[in-house]
Amino acid sequence: MIQALKESEEDRKAGRVSPSFDNVKDAIDWLNNPKRRYLNES
């Protein structure tokens, strides 16, 4: 678990943060999209 927390912190610092979603369908669609963009990407 400690390793997962460290990796999560590294991802956050690198800007690999997903956008927030209003529903599960939108979240799953984003995860399945090969062209998905993280929150900090324009």
N, C-alpha and C. Protein backbone atom coordinates (compact mmCIF):
# COMPACT_ATOMS: atom_id res chain seq x y z
N MET A 1 0.82 -1.20 0.00
CA MET A 1 0.00 0.00 0.00
C MET A 1 0.87 1.26 0.00
N ILE A 2 1.95 1.24 0.74
CA ILE A 2 2.85 2.39 0.77
C ILE A 2 3.38 2.68 -0.63
N GLN A 3 3.73 1.63 -1.37
CA GLN A 3 4.24 1.81 -2.73
C GLN A 3 3.17 2.45 -3.63
N ALA A 4 1.94 2.02 -3.50
CA ALA A 4 0.85 2.59 -4.30
C ALA A 4 0.67 4.08 -3.98
N LEU A 5 0.79 4.45 -2.72
CA LEU A 5 0.68 5.86 -2.35
C LEU A 5 1.82 6.68 -2.93
N LYS A 6 3.02 6.12 -2.92
CA LYS A 6 4.17 6.82 -3.51
C LYS A 6 3.97 7.02 -5.00
N GLU A 7 3.50 5.98 -5.69
CA GLU A 7 3.26 6.08 -7.13
C GLU A 7 2.17 7.10 -7.42
N SER A 8 1.14 7.12 -6.61
CA SER A 8 0.06 8.08 -6.78
C SER A 8 0.58 9.51 -6.62
N GLU A 9 1.41 9.73 -5.64
CA GLU A 9 1.99 11.05 -5.42
C GLU A 9 2.87 11.46 -6.60
N GLU A 10 3.64 10.52 -7.14
CA GLU A 10 4.48 10.80 -8.31
C GLU A 10 3.62 11.17 -9.52
N ASP A 11 2.53 10.44 -9.72
CA ASP A 11 1.62 10.74 -10.83
C ASP A 11 1.02 12.13 -10.67
N ARG A 12 0.61 12.46 -9.46
CA ARG A 12 0.01 13.77 -9.20
C ARG A 12 1.01 14.89 -9.48
N LYS A 13 2.24 14.72 -9.01
CA LYS A 13 3.27 15.73 -9.23
C LYS A 13 3.61 15.88 -10.71
N ALA A 14 3.51 14.79 -11.47
CA ALA A 14 3.81 14.82 -12.90
C ALA A 14 2.63 15.34 -13.71
N GLY A 15 1.51 15.61 -13.05
CA GLY A 15 0.35 16.15 -13.74
C GLY A 15 -0.56 15.11 -14.35
N ARG A 16 -0.35 13.85 -14.02
CA ARG A 16 -1.21 12.79 -14.56
C ARG A 16 -2.43 12.63 -13.64
N VAL A 17 -3.34 13.59 -13.77
CA VAL A 17 -4.54 13.63 -12.94
C VAL A 17 -5.76 13.65 -13.86
N SER A 18 -6.66 12.72 -13.66
CA SER A 18 -7.85 12.67 -14.51
C SER A 18 -8.81 13.79 -14.13
N PRO A 19 -9.64 14.20 -15.07
CA PRO A 19 -10.66 15.20 -14.74
C PRO A 19 -11.70 14.60 -13.81
N SER A 20 -12.52 15.44 -13.21
CA SER A 20 -13.61 14.91 -12.38
C SER A 20 -14.80 14.62 -13.28
N PHE A 21 -15.64 13.70 -12.84
CA PHE A 21 -16.78 13.26 -13.64
C PHE A 21 -18.06 13.35 -12.81
N ASP A 22 -19.17 13.58 -13.50
CA ASP A 22 -20.47 13.65 -12.84
C ASP A 22 -21.14 12.29 -12.72
N ASN A 23 -20.68 11.32 -13.54
CA ASN A 23 -21.30 10.00 -13.48
C ASN A 23 -20.29 8.93 -13.90
N VAL A 24 -20.62 7.71 -13.61
CA VAL A 24 -19.72 6.59 -13.87
C VAL A 24 -19.52 6.36 -15.36
N LYS A 25 -20.56 6.53 -16.15
CA LYS A 25 -20.44 6.30 -17.59
C LYS A 25 -19.38 7.20 -18.21
N ASP A 26 -19.39 8.48 -17.85
CA ASP A 26 -18.39 9.41 -18.38
C ASP A 26 -16.98 9.02 -17.95
N ALA A 27 -16.83 8.57 -16.72
CA ALA A 27 -15.52 8.15 -16.23
C ALA A 27 -15.01 6.93 -17.01
N ILE A 28 -15.88 5.96 -17.22
CA ILE A 28 -15.48 4.76 -17.96
C ILE A 28 -15.18 5.09 -19.41
N ASP A 29 -15.98 5.96 -20.01
CA ASP A 29 -15.72 6.38 -21.39
C ASP A 29 -14.34 7.04 -21.49
N TRP A 30 -13.99 7.88 -20.52
CA TRP A 30 -12.69 8.55 -20.52
C TRP A 30 -11.57 7.53 -20.38
N LEU A 31 -11.74 6.57 -19.48
CA LEU A 31 -10.71 5.54 -19.28
C LEU A 31 -10.51 4.69 -20.53
N ASN A 32 -11.56 4.43 -21.27
CA ASN A 32 -11.47 3.58 -22.46
C ASN A 32 -11.04 4.35 -23.71
N ASN A 33 -10.94 5.65 -23.62
CA ASN A 33 -10.57 6.48 -24.77
C ASN A 33 -9.05 6.49 -24.94
N PRO A 34 -8.53 5.96 -26.04
CA PRO A 34 -7.07 5.94 -26.23
C PRO A 34 -6.49 7.34 -26.41
N LYS A 35 -7.33 8.33 -26.71
CA LYS A 35 -6.86 9.71 -26.88
C LYS A 35 -7.19 10.57 -25.66
N ARG A 36 -7.44 9.93 -24.51
CA ARG A 36 -7.81 10.70 -23.32
C ARG A 36 -6.69 11.67 -22.93
N ARG A 37 -7.09 12.76 -22.32
CA ARG A 37 -6.14 13.78 -21.90
C ARG A 37 -6.30 13.98 -20.41
N TYR A 38 -5.18 14.17 -19.75
CA TYR A 38 -5.21 14.45 -18.33
C TYR A 38 -5.60 15.90 -18.09
N LEU A 39 -5.94 16.20 -16.87
CA LEU A 39 -6.47 17.50 -16.50
C LEU A 39 -5.56 18.66 -16.90
N ASN A 40 -4.26 18.50 -16.79
CA ASN A 40 -3.35 19.61 -17.07
C ASN A 40 -2.96 19.72 -18.54
N GLU A 41 -3.43 18.83 -19.39
CA GLU A 41 -3.11 18.88 -20.81
C GLU A 41 -4.13 19.74 -21.54
N SER A 42 -3.65 20.56 -22.44
CA SER A 42 -4.56 21.45 -23.18
C SER A 42 -5.21 20.75 -24.33
